[in-house]
N, C-alpha and C. Protein backbone atom coordinates (compact mmCIF):
# COMPACT_ATOMS: atom_id res chain seq x y z
N MET A 1 0.84 -1.04 -0.02
CA MET A 1 0.01 0.09 -0.04
C MET A 1 0.95 1.26 0.01
N ARG A 2 0.59 2.20 -0.81
CA ARG A 2 1.37 3.36 -0.96
C ARG A 2 0.37 4.60 -0.96
N PHE A 3 0.74 5.58 -0.14
CA PHE A 3 -0.05 6.84 -0.21
C PHE A 3 0.99 8.06 0.01
N HIS A 4 0.57 9.12 -0.41
CA HIS A 4 1.52 10.33 -0.45
C HIS A 4 1.24 11.24 0.83
N VAL A 5 2.37 11.67 1.37
CA VAL A 5 2.30 12.56 2.52
C VAL A 5 3.19 13.78 2.00
N GLY A 6 2.55 14.78 1.58
CA GLY A 6 3.30 15.93 0.93
C GLY A 6 3.93 15.39 -0.36
N GLU A 7 5.14 15.49 -0.45
CA GLU A 7 5.91 15.07 -1.72
C GLU A 7 6.44 13.73 -1.47
N ILE A 8 6.22 12.96 -0.38
CA ILE A 8 6.91 11.72 -0.13
C ILE A 8 5.84 10.71 -0.28
N ALA A 9 6.21 9.67 -0.98
CA ALA A 9 5.28 8.41 -1.13
C ALA A 9 5.69 7.48 0.12
N VAL A 10 4.61 6.96 0.87
CA VAL A 10 4.91 6.15 1.91
C VAL A 10 4.26 4.82 1.79
N CYS A 11 5.00 3.81 2.10
CA CYS A 11 4.53 2.40 2.02
C CYS A 11 4.22 1.90 3.39
N LEU A 12 3.07 1.14 3.42
CA LEU A 12 2.57 0.68 4.66
C LEU A 12 2.51 -0.90 4.80
N ALA A 13 2.67 -1.48 5.92
CA ALA A 13 2.39 -2.86 6.06
C ALA A 13 0.92 -3.07 6.36
N ILE A 14 0.38 -4.21 5.85
CA ILE A 14 -1.01 -4.54 6.09
C ILE A 14 -1.04 -5.68 7.04
N PRO A 15 -2.03 -5.73 8.16
CA PRO A 15 -2.19 -6.85 8.96
C PRO A 15 -2.98 -7.94 8.22
N GLY A 16 -2.55 -9.11 8.52
CA GLY A 16 -3.31 -10.35 7.97
C GLY A 16 -3.14 -11.49 9.06
N LYS A 17 -4.07 -12.53 8.94
CA LYS A 17 -4.13 -13.65 9.82
C LYS A 17 -3.47 -14.87 9.12
N VAL A 18 -2.56 -15.55 9.73
CA VAL A 18 -1.91 -16.67 9.19
C VAL A 18 -2.85 -17.86 9.21
N VAL A 19 -3.20 -18.37 8.07
CA VAL A 19 -4.11 -19.54 7.97
C VAL A 19 -3.39 -20.78 7.95
N SER A 20 -2.20 -20.90 7.29
CA SER A 20 -1.46 -22.01 7.34
C SER A 20 0.08 -21.68 7.06
N SER A 21 0.94 -22.61 7.30
CA SER A 21 2.40 -22.32 7.03
C SER A 21 3.11 -23.49 6.50
N GLU A 22 4.13 -23.36 5.84
CA GLU A 22 4.80 -24.42 5.21
C GLU A 22 6.38 -24.18 5.15
N ASP A 23 7.16 -25.10 5.57
CA ASP A 23 8.59 -24.90 5.52
C ASP A 23 9.18 -25.62 4.22
N LEU A 24 9.62 -24.83 3.38
CA LEU A 24 10.20 -25.32 2.03
C LEU A 24 11.56 -25.65 2.02
N GLY A 25 12.23 -25.62 3.16
CA GLY A 25 13.66 -25.96 3.25
C GLY A 25 14.47 -24.64 3.32
N LEU A 26 14.60 -23.97 2.19
CA LEU A 26 15.25 -22.65 2.14
C LEU A 26 14.42 -21.47 2.46
N ALA A 27 13.08 -21.71 2.47
CA ALA A 27 12.17 -20.59 2.70
C ALA A 27 10.92 -21.13 3.55
N ARG A 28 10.22 -20.19 4.23
CA ARG A 28 9.10 -20.52 5.01
C ARG A 28 8.04 -19.68 4.47
N THR A 29 6.94 -20.17 3.98
CA THR A 29 5.76 -19.51 3.51
C THR A 29 4.49 -19.87 4.12
N GLY A 30 3.52 -18.91 3.92
CA GLY A 30 2.27 -19.22 4.66
C GLY A 30 1.06 -18.57 3.76
N ARG A 31 -0.03 -19.14 4.09
CA ARG A 31 -1.28 -18.41 3.44
C ARG A 31 -1.75 -17.45 4.49
N VAL A 32 -1.82 -16.29 4.14
CA VAL A 32 -2.32 -15.21 5.00
C VAL A 32 -3.66 -14.56 4.62
N GLN A 33 -4.55 -14.41 5.48
CA GLN A 33 -5.87 -13.86 5.07
C GLN A 33 -5.86 -12.40 5.38
N PHE A 34 -6.36 -11.53 4.45
CA PHE A 34 -6.51 -10.13 4.49
C PHE A 34 -8.07 -9.88 4.24
N GLY A 35 -8.85 -9.85 5.30
CA GLY A 35 -10.27 -9.80 5.02
C GLY A 35 -10.82 -11.11 4.50
N GLY A 36 -11.35 -10.98 3.31
CA GLY A 36 -11.76 -12.13 2.54
C GLY A 36 -10.79 -12.65 1.50
N ILE A 37 -9.56 -12.17 1.47
CA ILE A 37 -8.64 -12.60 0.41
C ILE A 37 -7.46 -13.31 1.10
N VAL A 38 -7.09 -14.31 0.45
CA VAL A 38 -5.93 -15.11 0.96
C VAL A 38 -4.78 -15.01 0.05
N ARG A 39 -3.61 -14.69 0.47
CA ARG A 39 -2.29 -14.63 -0.44
C ARG A 39 -1.22 -15.37 0.32
N ARG A 40 -0.34 -15.91 -0.57
CA ARG A 40 0.89 -16.62 -0.07
C ARG A 40 1.82 -15.50 0.30
N VAL A 41 2.43 -15.64 1.51
CA VAL A 41 3.38 -14.65 2.10
C VAL A 41 4.64 -15.38 2.57
N ARG A 42 5.80 -14.79 2.47
CA ARG A 42 7.01 -15.30 3.07
C ARG A 42 6.93 -15.05 4.61
N LEU A 43 7.32 -16.08 5.34
CA LEU A 43 7.29 -15.87 6.83
C LEU A 43 8.71 -15.99 7.46
N ASP A 44 9.77 -15.90 6.56
CA ASP A 44 11.11 -16.01 7.06
C ASP A 44 11.45 -15.11 8.22
N PHE A 45 10.88 -13.86 8.14
CA PHE A 45 11.26 -12.87 9.29
C PHE A 45 10.59 -13.02 10.57
N VAL A 46 9.53 -13.85 10.53
CA VAL A 46 8.79 -14.24 11.75
C VAL A 46 8.65 -15.78 12.01
N PRO A 47 9.73 -16.40 12.35
CA PRO A 47 9.65 -17.78 12.44
C PRO A 47 8.70 -18.26 13.61
N GLU A 48 8.31 -17.51 14.45
CA GLU A 48 7.47 -17.79 15.61
C GLU A 48 6.11 -17.76 15.22
N ALA A 49 5.75 -17.15 13.93
CA ALA A 49 4.37 -17.07 13.51
C ALA A 49 3.75 -18.42 13.28
N ALA A 50 2.52 -18.64 13.74
CA ALA A 50 1.78 -19.87 13.42
C ALA A 50 0.41 -19.66 13.09
N PRO A 51 -0.25 -20.66 12.45
CA PRO A 51 -1.71 -20.51 12.07
C PRO A 51 -2.43 -19.89 13.25
N GLY A 52 -3.31 -18.86 12.95
CA GLY A 52 -4.12 -18.17 13.95
C GLY A 52 -3.52 -16.88 14.43
N ASP A 53 -2.16 -16.70 14.19
CA ASP A 53 -1.48 -15.38 14.55
C ASP A 53 -1.66 -14.36 13.58
N TYR A 54 -1.56 -13.12 13.91
CA TYR A 54 -1.60 -11.99 13.06
C TYR A 54 -0.23 -11.39 12.81
N VAL A 55 -0.01 -11.10 11.44
CA VAL A 55 1.31 -10.54 11.05
C VAL A 55 1.19 -9.39 10.23
N LEU A 56 2.13 -8.43 10.28
CA LEU A 56 2.19 -7.23 9.48
C LEU A 56 2.98 -7.62 8.04
N VAL A 57 2.30 -7.46 6.91
CA VAL A 57 2.98 -7.87 5.67
C VAL A 57 3.16 -6.60 4.88
N HIS A 58 4.48 -6.66 4.40
CA HIS A 58 4.88 -5.45 3.44
C HIS A 58 5.60 -6.25 2.34
N VAL A 59 5.18 -5.94 1.09
CA VAL A 59 5.61 -6.44 -0.25
C VAL A 59 5.83 -7.96 -0.25
N GLY A 60 4.85 -8.66 0.41
CA GLY A 60 4.86 -10.10 0.29
C GLY A 60 5.71 -10.81 1.45
N PHE A 61 6.23 -10.02 2.34
CA PHE A 61 6.97 -10.55 3.44
C PHE A 61 6.27 -10.23 4.83
N ALA A 62 6.03 -11.18 5.65
CA ALA A 62 5.62 -10.86 6.94
C ALA A 62 6.73 -10.32 7.74
N ILE A 63 6.62 -9.09 8.28
CA ILE A 63 7.79 -8.38 8.91
C ILE A 63 7.70 -8.30 10.49
N SER A 64 6.47 -8.60 10.95
CA SER A 64 6.43 -8.68 12.50
C SER A 64 5.12 -9.30 12.81
N LYS A 65 5.13 -9.74 14.10
CA LYS A 65 3.92 -10.55 14.54
C LYS A 65 3.23 -9.53 15.40
N ILE A 66 1.88 -9.38 15.35
CA ILE A 66 1.07 -8.42 16.13
C ILE A 66 -0.06 -9.15 16.78
N ASP A 67 -0.76 -8.58 17.78
CA ASP A 67 -1.91 -9.15 18.43
C ASP A 67 -3.16 -8.86 17.55
N GLU A 68 -4.23 -9.51 17.88
CA GLU A 68 -5.56 -9.32 17.00
C GLU A 68 -6.03 -7.93 17.28
N ALA A 69 -6.03 -7.36 18.48
CA ALA A 69 -6.53 -6.09 18.70
C ALA A 69 -5.73 -4.93 17.82
N GLU A 70 -4.43 -5.15 17.70
CA GLU A 70 -3.60 -4.24 16.99
C GLU A 70 -4.08 -4.33 15.43
N ALA A 71 -4.24 -5.58 14.93
CA ALA A 71 -4.61 -5.81 13.57
C ALA A 71 -5.91 -5.11 13.33
N GLN A 72 -6.88 -5.18 14.28
CA GLN A 72 -8.24 -4.70 14.11
C GLN A 72 -8.14 -3.13 14.16
N ARG A 73 -7.42 -2.50 14.94
CA ARG A 73 -7.23 -1.09 14.94
C ARG A 73 -6.61 -0.50 13.53
N THR A 74 -5.64 -1.40 13.11
CA THR A 74 -5.06 -0.95 11.85
C THR A 74 -6.00 -1.10 10.62
N TYR A 75 -6.74 -2.16 10.62
CA TYR A 75 -7.92 -2.29 9.60
C TYR A 75 -8.75 -1.18 9.64
N GLU A 76 -9.19 -0.73 10.91
CA GLU A 76 -10.10 0.28 11.08
C GLU A 76 -9.55 1.71 10.51
N ALA A 77 -8.33 2.00 10.86
CA ALA A 77 -7.70 3.17 10.57
C ALA A 77 -7.52 3.32 8.97
N LEU A 78 -7.09 2.11 8.43
CA LEU A 78 -6.96 2.03 6.92
C LEU A 78 -8.39 2.27 6.21
N ALA A 79 -9.40 1.66 6.68
CA ALA A 79 -10.71 1.76 6.11
C ALA A 79 -11.17 3.27 6.24
N GLU A 80 -10.98 3.96 7.34
CA GLU A 80 -11.25 5.42 7.54
C GLU A 80 -10.66 6.21 6.42
N MET A 81 -9.37 5.82 6.19
CA MET A 81 -8.60 6.66 5.24
C MET A 81 -8.99 6.31 3.75
N GLY A 82 -9.77 5.14 3.60
CA GLY A 82 -10.18 4.65 2.24
C GLY A 82 -9.04 4.00 1.54
N GLU A 83 -8.04 3.52 2.26
CA GLU A 83 -6.77 2.91 1.63
C GLU A 83 -7.01 1.49 1.43
N LEU A 84 -8.00 0.74 1.92
CA LEU A 84 -8.19 -0.66 1.84
C LEU A 84 -8.90 -1.05 0.38
N GLU A 85 -9.73 -0.13 0.00
CA GLU A 85 -10.48 -0.46 -1.29
C GLU A 85 -9.46 -0.70 -2.51
N GLY A 86 -9.51 -1.79 -3.06
CA GLY A 86 -8.82 -2.15 -4.25
C GLY A 86 -7.27 -2.39 -4.05
N GLU A 87 -6.87 -2.43 -2.74
CA GLU A 87 -5.55 -2.66 -2.38
C GLU A 87 -5.02 -4.08 -2.70
N LEU A 88 -5.92 -5.03 -2.37
CA LEU A 88 -5.57 -6.49 -2.52
C LEU A 88 -6.61 -7.09 -3.48
N PRO A 89 -6.55 -6.97 -4.75
CA PRO A 89 -7.48 -7.55 -5.64
C PRO A 89 -7.28 -9.01 -5.54
N PRO A 90 -8.32 -9.88 -5.99
CA PRO A 90 -8.06 -11.29 -6.09
C PRO A 90 -6.93 -11.69 -7.12
N GLU A 91 -6.28 -12.78 -6.71
CA GLU A 91 -5.20 -13.19 -7.56
C GLU A 91 -5.59 -13.72 -8.81
């Protein structure tokens, strides 16, 4: 997600819920749900993340684990800004 603050473009991480995870040997991936959309995401930076956990995802990589309340607050803030619409179209 990218939006502009003055002259600067800012990229944000989006919260998602880990649905499943898989160790591929050299990489760890998972299926992460963003609302009604599920995408494959790299989980290498959050080895502790397990199905049911919430993670922040930036450009296809989960970059940190967060709690459900924080994920919900982030969804609400993004919805208020109108930044969720069309951000994650179906694959």
